Amino acid sequence: MYFPPITLLILIRLTRLYILTSSINFATGIDVIVLILLVAAAVALFIAGNHWLKVHENFEY
């Protein structure tokens, strides 16, 4: 799960190269949003996996 640090480094580098006209605080805010979205997706996958296990726990091979 290296996406948030990589996203932050890329956004800061683009800000330093004047490709983005935003501040480093904006880049940090975008990075926090990416991190929260990834955590929310992981939690949703855990909940869906748990539901799938509960539905199929009564089946026998």
PDB file of N, CA and C in Angstrom:
ATOM      1  N   MET A   1       0.849  -1.181   0.000  1.00  0.00           N
ATOM      2  CA  MET A   1       0.000   0.000   0.000  1.00  0.00           C
ATOM      3  C   MET A   1       0.893   1.242   0.000  1.00  0.00           C
ATOM      4  N   TYR A   2       1.519   1.475  -1.121  1.00  0.00           N
ATOM      5  CA  TYR A   2       2.446   2.586  -1.240  1.00  0.00           C
ATOM      6  C   TYR A   2       1.857   3.765  -1.996  1.00  0.00           C
ATOM      7  N   PHE A   3       0.561   3.728  -2.311  1.00  0.00           N
ATOM      8  CA  PHE A   3      -0.010   4.774  -3.147  1.00  0.00           C
ATOM      9  C   PHE A   3      -0.012   6.160  -2.497  1.00  0.00           C
ATOM     10  N   PRO A   4      -0.420   6.311  -1.236  1.00  0.00           N
ATOM     11  CA  PRO A   4      -0.438   7.670  -0.674  1.00  0.00           C
ATOM     12  C   PRO A   4       0.941   8.345  -0.608  1.00  0.00           C
ATOM     13  N   PRO A   5       2.014   7.661  -0.187  1.00  0.00           N
ATOM     14  CA  PRO A   5       3.313   8.347  -0.208  1.00  0.00           C
ATOM     15  C   PRO A   5       3.777   8.686  -1.625  1.00  0.00           C
ATOM     16  N   ILE A   6       3.514   7.773  -2.563  1.00  0.00           N
ATOM     17  CA  ILE A   6       3.915   8.040  -3.944  1.00  0.00           C
ATOM     18  C   ILE A   6       3.109   9.206  -4.510  1.00  0.00           C
ATOM     19  N   THR A   7       1.812   9.230  -4.202  1.00  0.00           N
ATOM     20  CA  THR A   7       0.966  10.336  -4.662  1.00  0.00           C
ATOM     21  C   THR A   7       1.467  11.654  -4.099  1.00  0.00           C
ATOM     22  N   LEU A   8       1.810  11.663  -2.823  1.00  0.00           N
ATOM     23  CA  LEU A   8       2.308  12.897  -2.204  1.00  0.00           C
ATOM     24  C   LEU A   8       3.614  13.346  -2.838  1.00  0.00           C
ATOM     25  N   LEU A   9       4.528  12.419  -3.058  1.00  0.00           N
ATOM     26  CA  LEU A   9       5.811  12.796  -3.663  1.00  0.00           C
ATOM     27  C   LEU A   9       5.629  13.323  -5.084  1.00  0.00           C
ATOM     28  N   ILE A  10       4.748  12.699  -5.853  1.00  0.00           N
ATOM     29  CA  ILE A  10       4.507  13.168  -7.225  1.00  0.00           C
ATOM     30  C   ILE A  10       3.880  14.559  -7.219  1.00  0.00           C
ATOM     31  N   LEU A  11       2.880  14.766  -6.350  1.00  0.00           N
ATOM     32  CA  LEU A  11       2.225  16.080  -6.311  1.00  0.00           C
ATOM     33  C   LEU A  11       3.177  17.174  -5.831  1.00  0.00           C
ATOM     34  N   ILE A  12       4.016  16.866  -4.848  1.00  0.00           N
ATOM     35  CA  ILE A  12       4.990  17.864  -4.388  1.00  0.00           C
ATOM     36  C   ILE A  12       5.990  18.167  -5.490  1.00  0.00           C
ATOM     37  N   ARG A  13       6.429  17.138  -6.214  1.00  0.00           N
ATOM     38  CA  ARG A  13       7.393  17.361  -7.295  1.00  0.00           C
ATOM     39  C   ARG A  13       6.779  18.202  -8.415  1.00  0.00           C
ATOM     40  N   LEU A  14       5.517  17.932  -8.748  1.00  0.00           N
ATOM     41  CA  LEU A  14       4.854  18.730  -9.780  1.00  0.00           C
ATOM     42  C   LEU A  14       4.658  20.168  -9.333  1.00  0.00           C
ATOM     43  N   THR A  15       4.455  20.365  -8.027  1.00  0.00           N
ATOM     44  CA  THR A  15       4.338  21.724  -7.499  1.00  0.00           C
ATOM     45  C   THR A  15       5.682  22.450  -7.570  1.00  0.00           C
ATOM     46  N   ARG A  16       6.753  21.746  -7.239  1.00  0.00           N
ATOM     47  CA  ARG A  16       8.095  22.359  -7.291  1.00  0.00           C
ATOM     48  C   ARG A  16       8.524  22.689  -8.717  1.00  0.00           C
ATOM     49  N   LEU A  17       8.057  21.902  -9.691  1.00  0.00           N
ATOM     50  CA  LEU A  17       8.404  22.159 -11.089  1.00  0.00           C
ATOM     51  C   LEU A  17       7.472  23.180 -11.734  1.00  0.00           C
ATOM     52  N   TYR A  18       6.544  23.718 -10.954  1.00  0.00           N
ATOM     53  CA  TYR A  18       5.571  24.715 -11.411  1.00  0.00           C
ATOM     54  C   TYR A  18       4.637  24.175 -12.478  1.00  0.00           C
ATOM     55  N   ILE A  19       4.450  22.855 -12.499  1.00  0.00           N
ATOM     56  CA  ILE A  19       3.442  22.271 -13.388  1.00  0.00           C
ATOM     57  C   ILE A  19       2.074  22.441 -12.750  1.00  0.00           C
ATOM     58  N   LEU A  20       2.016  22.261 -11.440  1.00  0.00           N
ATOM     59  CA  LEU A  20       0.813  22.563 -10.671  1.00  0.00           C
ATOM     60  C   LEU A  20       1.006  23.898  -9.987  1.00  0.00           C
ATOM     61  N   THR A  21      -0.016  24.704  -9.982  1.00  0.00           N
ATOM     62  CA  THR A  21       0.102  26.022  -9.357  1.00  0.00           C
ATOM     63  C   THR A  21      -0.424  26.030  -7.931  1.00  0.00           C
ATOM     64  N   SER A  22      -0.707  24.842  -7.396  1.00  0.00           N
ATOM     65  CA  SER A  22      -1.227  24.764  -6.038  1.00  0.00           C
ATOM     66  C   SER A  22      -0.079  24.731  -5.029  1.00  0.00           C
ATOM     67  N   SER A  23      -0.443  24.788  -3.772  1.00  0.00           N
ATOM     68  CA  SER A  23       0.566  24.767  -2.718  1.00  0.00           C
ATOM     69  C   SER A  23       0.825  23.337  -2.267  1.00  0.00           C
ATOM     70  N   ILE A  24       1.826  23.183  -1.428  1.00  0.00           N
ATOM     71  CA  ILE A  24       2.142  21.873  -0.877  1.00  0.00           C
ATOM     72  C   ILE A  24       1.034  21.424   0.073  1.00  0.00           C
ATOM     73  N   ASN A  25       0.357  22.368   0.713  1.00  0.00           N
ATOM     74  CA  ASN A  25      -0.775  22.004   1.569  1.00  0.00           C
ATOM     75  C   ASN A  25      -1.895  21.369   0.750  1.00  0.00           C
ATOM     76  N   PHE A  26      -2.118  21.862  -0.454  1.00  0.00           N
ATOM     77  CA  PHE A  26      -3.116  21.263  -1.338  1.00  0.00           C
ATOM     78  C   PHE A  26      -2.702  19.845  -1.717  1.00  0.00           C
ATOM     79  N   ALA A  27      -1.437  19.639  -2.013  1.00  0.00           N
ATOM     80  CA  ALA A  27      -0.936  18.310  -2.365  1.00  0.00           C
ATOM     81  C   ALA A  27      -1.101  17.354  -1.186  1.00  0.00           C
ATOM     82  N   THR A  28      -0.859  17.835   0.017  1.00  0.00           N
ATOM     83  CA  THR A  28      -1.037  17.004   1.204  1.00  0.00           C
ATOM     84  C   THR A  28      -2.513  16.662   1.405  1.00  0.00           C
ATOM     85  N   GLY A  29      -3.390  17.620   1.150  1.00  0.00           N
ATOM     86  CA  GLY A  29      -4.822  17.359   1.265  1.00  0.00           C
ATOM     87  C   GLY A  29      -5.291  16.314   0.276  1.00  0.00           C
ATOM     88  N   ILE A  30      -4.815  16.385  -0.955  1.00  0.00           N
ATOM     89  CA  ILE A  30      -5.156  15.378  -1.962  1.00  0.00           C
ATOM     90  C   ILE A  30      -4.645  14.010  -1.524  1.00  0.00           C
ATOM     91  N   ASP A  31      -3.452  13.968  -0.946  1.00  0.00           N
ATOM     92  CA  ASP A  31      -2.876  12.716  -0.477  1.00  0.00           C
ATOM     93  C   ASP A  31      -3.718  12.113   0.647  1.00  0.00           C
ATOM     94  N   VAL A  32      -4.204  12.922   1.548  1.00  0.00           N
ATOM     95  CA  VAL A  32      -5.048  12.425   2.634  1.00  0.00           C
ATOM     96  C   VAL A  32      -6.352  11.874   2.072  1.00  0.00           C
ATOM     97  N   ILE A  33      -6.909  12.537   1.066  1.00  0.00           N
ATOM     98  CA  ILE A  33      -8.139  12.048   0.438  1.00  0.00           C
ATOM     99  C   ILE A  33      -7.901  10.696  -0.225  1.00  0.00           C
ATOM    100  N   VAL A  34      -6.771  10.540  -0.913  1.00  0.00           N
ATOM    101  CA  VAL A  34      -6.438   9.256  -1.543  1.00  0.00           C
ATOM    102  C   VAL A  34      -6.297   8.175  -0.476  1.00  0.00           C
ATOM    103  N   LEU A  35      -5.651   8.490   0.630  1.00  0.00           N
ATOM    104  CA  LEU A  35      -5.482   7.523   1.709  1.00  0.00           C
ATOM    105  C   LEU A  35      -6.826   7.100   2.293  1.00  0.00           C
ATOM    106  N   ILE A  36      -7.712   8.050   2.528  1.00  0.00           N
ATOM    107  CA  ILE A  36      -9.033   7.730   3.083  1.00  0.00           C
ATOM    108  C   ILE A  36      -9.834   6.871   2.107  1.00  0.00           C
ATOM    109  N   LEU A  37      -9.752   7.167   0.812  1.00  0.00           N
ATOM    110  CA  LEU A  37     -10.469   6.363  -0.179  1.00  0.00           C
ATOM    111  C   LEU A  37      -9.942   4.931  -0.225  1.00  0.00           C
ATOM    112  N   LEU A  38      -8.628   4.764  -0.119  1.00  0.00           N
ATOM    113  CA  LEU A  38      -8.065   3.412  -0.126  1.00  0.00           C
ATOM    114  C   LEU A  38      -8.455   2.630   1.120  1.00  0.00           C
ATOM    115  N   VAL A  39      -8.485   3.291   2.261  1.00  0.00           N
ATOM    116  CA  VAL A  39      -8.900   2.625   3.499  1.00  0.00           C
ATOM    117  C   VAL A  39     -10.379   2.255   3.422  1.00  0.00           C
ATOM    118  N   ALA A  40     -11.208   3.140   2.880  1.00  0.00           N
ATOM    119  CA  ALA A  40     -12.632   2.845   2.738  1.00  0.00           C
ATOM    120  C   ALA A  40     -12.850   1.665   1.796  1.00  0.00           C
ATOM    121  N   ALA A  41     -12.087   1.584   0.729  1.00  0.00           N
ATOM    122  CA  ALA A  41     -12.214   0.455  -0.199  1.00  0.00           C
ATOM    123  C   ALA A  41     -11.789  -0.846   0.484  1.00  0.00           C
ATOM    124  N   ALA A  42     -10.736  -0.805   1.280  1.00  0.00           N
ATOM    125  CA  ALA A  42     -10.289  -2.006   1.995  1.00  0.00           C
ATOM    126  C   ALA A  42     -11.334  -2.467   3.002  1.00  0.00           C
ATOM    127  N   VAL A  43     -11.926  -1.540   3.732  1.00  0.00           N
ATOM    128  CA  VAL A  43     -12.970  -1.901   4.704  1.00  0.00           C
ATOM    129  C   VAL A  43     -14.171  -2.508   3.987  1.00  0.00           C
ATOM    130  N   ALA A  44     -14.554  -1.947   2.854  1.00  0.00           N
ATOM    131  CA  ALA A  44     -15.676  -2.496   2.089  1.00  0.00           C
ATOM    132  C   ALA A  44     -15.375  -3.915   1.621  1.00  0.00           C
ATOM    133  N   LEU A  45     -14.142  -4.174   1.211  1.00  0.00           N
ATOM    134  CA  LEU A  45     -13.771  -5.520   0.778  1.00  0.00           C
ATOM    135  C   LEU A  45     -13.785  -6.497   1.951  1.00  0.00           C
ATOM    136  N   PHE A  46     -13.336  -6.068   3.118  1.00  0.00           N
ATOM    137  CA  PHE A  46     -13.382  -6.932   4.302  1.00  0.00           C
ATOM    138  C   PHE A  46     -14.822  -7.261   4.681  1.00  0.00           C
ATOM    139  N   ILE A  47     -15.693  -6.282   4.624  1.00  0.00           N
ATOM    140  CA  ILE A  47     -17.101  -6.517   4.965  1.00  0.00           C
ATOM    141  C   ILE A  47     -17.742  -7.454   3.954  1.00  0.00           C
ATOM    142  N   ALA A  48     -17.477  -7.248   2.675  1.00  0.00           N
ATOM    143  CA  ALA A  48     -18.039  -8.114   1.635  1.00  0.00           C
ATOM    144  C   ALA A  48     -17.494  -9.539   1.770  1.00  0.00           C
ATOM    145  N   GLY A  49     -16.223  -9.678   2.078  1.00  0.00           N
ATOM    146  CA  GLY A  49     -15.642 -11.007   2.257  1.00  0.00           C
ATOM    147  C   GLY A  49     -16.228 -11.719   3.459  1.00  0.00           C
ATOM    148  N   ASN A  50     -16.447 -10.995   4.539  1.00  0.00           N
ATOM    149  CA  ASN A  50     -17.052 -11.587   5.725  1.00  0.00           C
ATOM    150  C   ASN A  50     -18.478 -12.024   5.429  1.00  0.00           C
ATOM    151  N   HIS A  51     -19.222 -11.219   4.690  1.00  0.00           N
ATOM    152  CA  HIS A  51     -20.589 -11.581   4.322  1.00  0.00           C
ATOM    153  C   HIS A  51     -20.594 -12.836   3.456  1.00  0.00           C
ATOM    154  N   TRP A  52     -19.677 -12.918   2.506  1.00  0.00           N
ATOM    155  CA  TRP A  52     -19.585 -14.075   1.622  1.00  0.00           C
ATOM    156  C   TRP A  52     -19.266 -15.334   2.427  1.00  0.00           C
ATOM    157  N   LEU A  53     -18.376 -15.222   3.423  1.00  0.00           N
ATOM    158  CA  LEU A  53     -18.047 -16.374   4.260  1.00  0.00           C
ATOM    159  C   LEU A  53     -19.250 -16.827   5.082  1.00  0.00           C
ATOM    160  N   LYS A  54     -20.008 -15.875   5.625  1.00  0.00           N
ATOM    161  CA  LYS A  54     -21.181 -16.244   6.436  1.00  0.00           C
ATOM    162  C   LYS A  54     -22.255 -16.899   5.586  1.00  0.00           C
ATOM    163  N   VAL A  55     -22.419 -16.468   4.342  1.00  0.00           N
ATOM    164  CA  VAL A  55     -23.423 -17.068   3.469  1.00  0.00           C
ATOM    165  C   VAL A  55     -23.035 -18.496   3.123  1.00  0.00           C
ATOM    166  N   HIS A  56     -21.755 -18.746   2.910  1.00  0.00           N
ATOM    167  CA  HIS A  56     -21.297 -20.051   2.438  1.00  0.00           C
ATOM    168  C   HIS A  56     -20.733 -20.942   3.542  1.00  0.00           C
ATOM    169  N   GLU A  57     -20.880 -20.603   4.797  1.00  0.00           N
ATOM    170  CA  GLU A  57     -20.276 -21.432   5.844  1.00  0.00           C
ATOM    171  C   GLU A  57     -21.055 -22.720   6.098  1.00  0.00           C
ATOM    172  N   ASN A  58     -22.300 -22.782   5.687  1.00  0.00           N
ATOM    173  CA  ASN A  58     -23.095 -23.988   5.906  1.00  0.00           C
ATOM    174  C   ASN A  58     -22.921 -25.037   4.816  1.00  0.00           C
ATOM    175  N   PHE A  59     -22.279 -24.694   3.741  1.00  0.00           N
ATOM    176  CA  PHE A  59     -22.084 -25.659   2.653  1.00  0.00           C
ATOM    177  C   PHE A  59     -20.979 -26.625   3.030  1.00  0.00           C
ATOM    178  N   GLU A  60     -21.169 -27.892   2.656  1.00  0.00           N
ATOM    179  CA  GLU A  60     -20.155 -28.907   2.885  1.00  0.00           C
ATOM    180  C   GLU A  60     -19.723 -29.471   1.537  1.00  0.00           C
ATOM    181  N   TYR A  61     -18.516 -29.912   1.500  1.00  0.00           N
ATOM    182  CA  TYR A  61     -17.999 -30.468   0.247  1.00  0.00           C
ATOM    183  C   TYR A  61     -18.339 -31.936   0.161  1.00  0.00           C
TER     184      TYR A  61
END
